[in-house]
């Protein structure tokens, strides 16, 4: 009987054996496409700031700030792609 650790190891070895020159595994799952707009990402950034205010640890606050900046960058990206 294999453990979860063994199963994970086997799966990782399988993917390593099937890497392509481009660095991928050659296996593509279906990735859903999402259509978010710049305003959506601004809403997400605002939510990050609210969570930052409610955070109880430095780590939580740091994660929310990183999420906020990331969402702001996505908002700018979505805005420039829409133009």
Protein backbone atom coordinates (compact mmCIF):
# COMPACT_ATOMS: atom_id res chain seq x y z
CA UNK A 1 0.00 0.00 0.00
CA UNK A 2 1.53 3.30 -1.06
CA UNK A 3 1.41 6.36 1.12
CA UNK A 4 0.35 9.81 -0.06
CA UNK A 5 4.01 10.74 -0.07
CA UNK A 6 4.78 7.83 -2.43
CA UNK A 7 1.87 8.75 -4.69
CA UNK A 8 3.06 12.36 -4.89
CA UNK A 9 6.59 11.19 -5.64
CA UNK A 10 5.36 8.96 -8.48
CA UNK A 11 3.27 11.76 -9.97
CA UNK A 12 6.19 14.20 -9.82
CA UNK A 13 8.51 11.65 -11.45
CA UNK A 14 5.95 11.10 -14.20
CA UNK A 15 5.78 14.82 -14.95
CA UNK A 16 9.56 15.17 -14.86
CA UNK A 17 9.93 12.32 -17.35
CA UNK A 18 7.48 13.98 -19.74
CA UNK A 19 8.85 17.52 -19.72
CA UNK A 20 9.13 19.08 -23.15
CA UNK A 21 11.88 21.36 -24.41
CA UNK A 22 9.64 24.35 -23.71
CA UNK A 23 9.56 23.44 -20.03
CA UNK A 24 5.99 22.17 -20.00
CA UNK A 25 4.75 18.67 -19.38
CA UNK A 26 2.86 18.32 -22.61
CA UNK A 27 -0.30 17.79 -20.56
CA UNK A 28 -2.73 20.63 -20.59
CA UNK A 29 -5.79 20.67 -18.47
CA UNK A 30 -8.65 22.92 -19.29
CA UNK A 31 -8.04 26.32 -17.76
CA UNK A 32 -11.19 28.40 -17.53
CA UNK A 33 -10.96 31.86 -18.97
CA UNK A 34 -12.14 34.71 -16.82
CA UNK A 35 -13.13 38.08 -18.12
CA UNK A 36 -12.33 40.54 -15.38
CA UNK A 37 -12.22 44.23 -16.03
CA UNK A 38 -9.99 46.86 -14.50
CA UNK A 39 -12.77 47.89 -12.10
CA UNK A 40 -13.09 44.28 -10.90
CA UNK A 41 -9.40 44.25 -9.96
CA UNK A 42 -9.80 47.59 -8.20
CA UNK A 43 -12.62 46.05 -6.17
CA UNK A 44 -10.35 43.12 -5.31
CA UNK A 45 -7.60 45.54 -4.23
CA UNK A 46 -10.07 47.39 -2.02
CA UNK A 47 -11.09 44.08 -0.45
CA UNK A 48 -7.40 43.36 0.23
CA UNK A 49 -7.12 46.69 2.06
CA UNK A 50 -10.18 45.90 4.18
CA UNK A 51 -8.68 42.53 5.05
CA UNK A 52 -5.40 44.29 5.84
CA UNK A 53 -7.22 46.44 8.41
CA UNK A 54 -8.81 43.33 9.95
CA UNK A 55 -5.63 41.23 9.92
CA UNK A 56 -4.35 40.01 13.26
CA UNK A 57 -0.76 39.20 12.34
CA UNK A 58 2.09 40.79 10.42
CA UNK A 59 2.05 37.85 8.01
CA UNK A 60 -1.64 38.37 7.20
CA UNK A 61 -1.10 42.11 6.68
CA UNK A 62 1.87 41.43 4.42
CA UNK A 63 -0.13 38.94 2.34
CA UNK A 64 -2.99 41.40 1.92
CA UNK A 65 -0.63 44.18 0.83
CA UNK A 66 0.96 41.87 -1.72
CA UNK A 67 -2.49 40.90 -2.97
CA UNK A 68 -3.50 44.54 -3.16
CA UNK A 69 -0.46 45.53 -5.22
CA UNK A 70 -0.95 42.50 -7.45
CA UNK A 71 -4.58 43.41 -8.09
CA UNK A 72 -3.64 47.03 -8.80
CA UNK A 73 -1.11 45.85 -11.37
CA UNK A 74 -3.74 43.60 -12.94
CA UNK A 75 -6.13 46.55 -13.09
CA UNK A 76 -3.54 48.57 -14.99
CA UNK A 77 -2.86 45.64 -17.27
CA UNK A 78 -6.55 45.08 -17.97
CA UNK A 79 -6.96 48.78 -18.65
CA UNK A 80 -4.09 48.88 -21.14
CA UNK A 81 -5.31 45.67 -22.87
CA UNK A 82 -8.78 47.15 -23.23
CA UNK A 83 -7.48 50.19 -25.08
